[in-house]
C-alpha atoms as a PDB file:
ATOM      1  CA  UNK A   1       0.000   0.000   0.000  1.00  0.00           C
ATOM      2  CA  UNK A   2       1.030   3.577  -0.475  1.00  0.00           C
ATOM      3  CA  UNK A   3      -0.232   7.049   0.343  1.00  0.00           C
ATOM      4  CA  UNK A   4       0.630  10.383  -1.210  1.00  0.00           C
ATOM      5  CA  UNK A   5       2.060  12.621   1.512  1.00  0.00           C
ATOM      6  CA  UNK A   6       3.301  15.630  -0.454  1.00  0.00           C
ATOM      7  CA  UNK A   7       2.481  17.319  -3.766  1.00  0.00           C
ATOM      8  CA  UNK A   8       4.673  20.178  -5.004  1.00  0.00           C
ATOM      9  CA  UNK A   9       6.124  20.726  -1.514  1.00  0.00           C
ATOM     10  CA  UNK A  10       2.674  20.943   0.116  1.00  0.00           C
ATOM     11  CA  UNK A  11       1.741  18.298   2.699  1.00  0.00           C
ATOM     12  CA  UNK A  12      -1.171  16.082   1.643  1.00  0.00           C
ATOM     13  CA  UNK A  13      -2.620  12.833   2.921  1.00  0.00           C
ATOM     14  CA  UNK A  14      -4.340  10.632   0.360  1.00  0.00           C
ATOM     15  CA  UNK A  15      -6.339   7.523   1.018  1.00  0.00           C
ATOM     16  CA  UNK A  16      -4.225   4.351   0.841  1.00  0.00           C
ATOM     17  CA  UNK A  17      -3.730   2.957  -2.648  1.00  0.00           C
ATOM     18  CA  UNK A  18      -2.937  -0.613  -3.612  1.00  0.00           C
ATOM     19  CA  UNK A  19       0.400  -1.306  -5.312  1.00  0.00           C
ATOM     20  CA  UNK A  20       2.403  -4.376  -6.301  1.00  0.00           C
ATOM     21  CA  UNK A  21       6.158  -4.358  -5.816  1.00  0.00           C
ATOM     22  CA  UNK A  22       8.038  -5.881  -8.761  1.00  0.00           C
ATOM     23  CA  UNK A  23      11.651  -5.224  -7.771  1.00  0.00           C
ATOM     24  CA  UNK A  24      13.219  -3.953  -4.602  1.00  0.00           C
ATOM     25  CA  UNK A  25      16.732  -2.959  -3.641  1.00  0.00           C
ATOM     26  CA  UNK A  26      18.164  -1.136  -0.632  1.00  0.00           C
ATOM     27  CA  UNK A  27      17.767   2.234  -2.355  1.00  0.00           C
ATOM     28  CA  UNK A  28      14.588   1.898  -4.339  1.00  0.00           C
ATOM     29  CA  UNK A  29      11.812  -0.172  -5.803  1.00  0.00           C
ATOM     30  CA  UNK A  30       9.672  -0.672  -8.877  1.00  0.00           C
ATOM     31  CA  UNK A  31       5.939  -0.786  -8.261  1.00  0.00           C
ATOM     32  CA  UNK A  32       2.757  -1.144 -10.293  1.00  0.00           C
ATOM     33  CA  UNK A  33      -0.542   0.527  -9.486  1.00  0.00           C
ATOM     34  CA  UNK A  34      -3.756   1.533 -11.254  1.00  0.00           C
ATOM     35  CA  UNK A  35      -3.231   5.151 -10.187  1.00  0.00           C
ATOM     36  CA  UNK A  36      -1.794   7.842 -12.467  1.00  0.00           C
ATOM     37  CA  UNK A  37       0.412  10.006 -10.246  1.00  0.00           C
ATOM     38  CA  UNK A  38       1.009  12.499 -13.101  1.00  0.00           C
ATOM     39  CA  UNK A  39       4.742  12.841 -12.485  1.00  0.00           C
ATOM     40  CA  UNK A  40       5.094  15.134 -15.499  1.00  0.00           C
ATOM     41  CA  UNK A  41       2.814  17.663 -13.758  1.00  0.00           C
ATOM     42  CA  UNK A  42       3.635  17.233 -10.065  1.00  0.00           C
ATOM     43  CA  UNK A  43       6.532  16.560  -7.695  1.00  0.00           C
ATOM     44  CA  UNK A  44       5.219  13.875  -5.362  1.00  0.00           C
ATOM     45  CA  UNK A  45       6.393  12.129  -2.212  1.00  0.00           C
ATOM     46  CA  UNK A  46       4.783   8.936  -0.986  1.00  0.00           C
ATOM     47  CA  UNK A  47       4.843   6.633   2.000  1.00  0.00           C
ATOM     48  CA  UNK A  48       4.913   2.962   1.065  1.00  0.00           C
ATOM     49  CA  UNK A  49       4.203   0.051   3.395  1.00  0.00           C
ATOM     50  CA  UNK A  50       4.886  -3.656   2.799  1.00  0.00           C
ATOM     51  CA  UNK A  51       5.892  -6.878   4.521  1.00  0.00           C
ATOM     52  CA  UNK A  52       8.929  -8.998   3.712  1.00  0.00           C
ATOM     53  CA  UNK A  53       9.806 -12.232   5.520  1.00  0.00           C
ATOM     54  CA  UNK A  54       7.620 -11.461   8.517  1.00  0.00           C
ATOM     55  CA  UNK A  55       8.677  -7.842   9.024  1.00  0.00           C
ATOM     56  CA  UNK A  56       6.668  -4.739   8.212  1.00  0.00           C
ATOM     57  CA  UNK A  57       8.509  -1.924   6.472  1.00  0.00           C
ATOM     58  CA  UNK A  58       7.373   1.666   5.976  1.00  0.00           C
ATOM     59  CA  UNK A  59       9.378   4.140   3.917  1.00  0.00           C
ATOM     60  CA  UNK A  60       9.049   7.571   2.446  1.00  0.00           C
ATOM     61  CA  UNK A  61      10.020   7.789  -1.177  1.00  0.00           C
ATOM     62  CA  UNK A  62      10.040   9.874  -4.307  1.00  0.00           C
ATOM     63  CA  UNK A  63       8.688   8.569  -7.615  1.00  0.00           C
ATOM     64  CA  UNK A  64      11.358   9.330 -10.232  1.00  0.00           C
ATOM     65  CA  UNK A  65       9.904   7.723 -13.350  1.00  0.00           C
ATOM     66  CA  UNK A  66       6.526   6.548 -14.647  1.00  0.00           C
ATOM     67  CA  UNK A  67       5.699   4.165 -17.504  1.00  0.00           C
ATOM     68  CA  UNK A  68       2.207   3.277 -18.651  1.00  0.00           C
ATOM     69  CA  UNK A  69       1.628  -0.433 -18.131  1.00  0.00           C
ATOM     70  CA  UNK A  70      -1.055  -2.977 -18.839  1.00  0.00           C
ATOM     71  CA  UNK A  71      -4.735  -2.805 -17.808  1.00  0.00           C
ATOM     72  CA  UNK A  72      -4.640   1.003 -17.641  1.00  0.00           C
ATOM     73  CA  UNK A  73      -2.053   0.907 -14.836  1.00  0.00           C
ATOM     74  CA  UNK A  74       1.373   2.418 -14.333  1.00  0.00           C
ATOM     75  CA  UNK A  75       4.857   1.315 -13.309  1.00  0.00           C
ATOM     76  CA  UNK A  76       6.904   3.639 -11.098  1.00  0.00           C
ATOM     77  CA  UNK A  77      10.509   3.821  -9.999  1.00  0.00           C
ATOM     78  CA  UNK A  78      10.691   4.981  -6.393  1.00  0.00           C
ATOM     79  CA  UNK A  79      13.816   6.307  -4.651  1.00  0.00           C
ATOM     80  CA  UNK A  80      13.506   5.337  -0.983  1.00  0.00           C
ATOM     81  CA  UNK A  81      14.544   7.481   1.975  1.00  0.00           C
ATOM     82  CA  UNK A  82      16.133   4.849   4.207  1.00  0.00           C
ATOM     83  CA  UNK A  83      18.532   4.938   7.172  1.00  0.00           C
ATOM     84  CA  UNK A  84      21.594   2.652   7.391  1.00  0.00           C
ATOM     85  CA  UNK A  85      20.185   0.323  10.073  1.00  0.00           C
ATOM     86  CA  UNK A  86      16.923  -0.262   8.180  1.00  0.00           C
ATOM     87  CA  UNK A  87      18.831  -0.641   4.928  1.00  0.00           C
ATOM     88  CA  UNK A  88      20.916  -3.464   6.431  1.00  0.00           C
ATOM     89  CA  UNK A  89      17.771  -5.175   7.718  1.00  0.00           C
ATOM     90  CA  UNK A  90      16.111  -4.829   4.319  1.00  0.00           C
ATOM     91  CA  UNK A  91      19.177  -6.318   2.578  1.00  0.00           C
ATOM     92  CA  UNK A  92      19.084  -9.341   4.911  1.00  0.00           C
ATOM     93  CA  UNK A  93      15.351  -9.829   4.281  1.00  0.00           C
ATOM     94  CA  UNK A  94      15.865  -9.567   0.510  1.00  0.00           C
ATOM     95  CA  UNK A  95      18.614 -12.219   0.709  1.00  0.00           C
ATOM     96  CA  UNK A  96      16.356 -14.511   2.762  1.00  0.00           C
ATOM     97  CA  UNK A  97      13.496 -14.007   0.312  1.00  0.00           C
ATOM     98  CA  UNK A  98      15.766 -14.702  -2.679  1.00  0.00           C
ATOM     99  CA  UNK A  99      17.120 -17.876  -1.043  1.00  0.00           C
ATOM    100  CA  UNK A 100      13.651 -19.204  -0.233  1.00  0.00           C
ATOM    101  CA  UNK A 101      12.301 -18.290  -3.698  1.00  0.00           C
ATOM    102  CA  UNK A 102      15.094 -20.090  -5.543  1.00  0.00           C
ATOM    103  CA  UNK A 103      14.395 -23.439  -3.852  1.00  0.00           C
END
């Protein structure tokens, strides 16, 4: 899930939107959603929440690119704002997920 928290440097709070994460790394992620965030018109910041290997994560992030996808949806590249401790935890969870998925 994600919420829009800022539009053009003005605080906002949208209703939660559903998103699917396709790729994730310690610094960013690729997600798909039905929502058009109109990145060509607006500078947006979001909060994104997800679970990975039994741990909930919540990050602020900035969408940096948008590509129209299938079923009238959109793919987004999100740069995550993440501290070093959480980044290390996320890396370990990604490794665990990759190991369990490759079996």
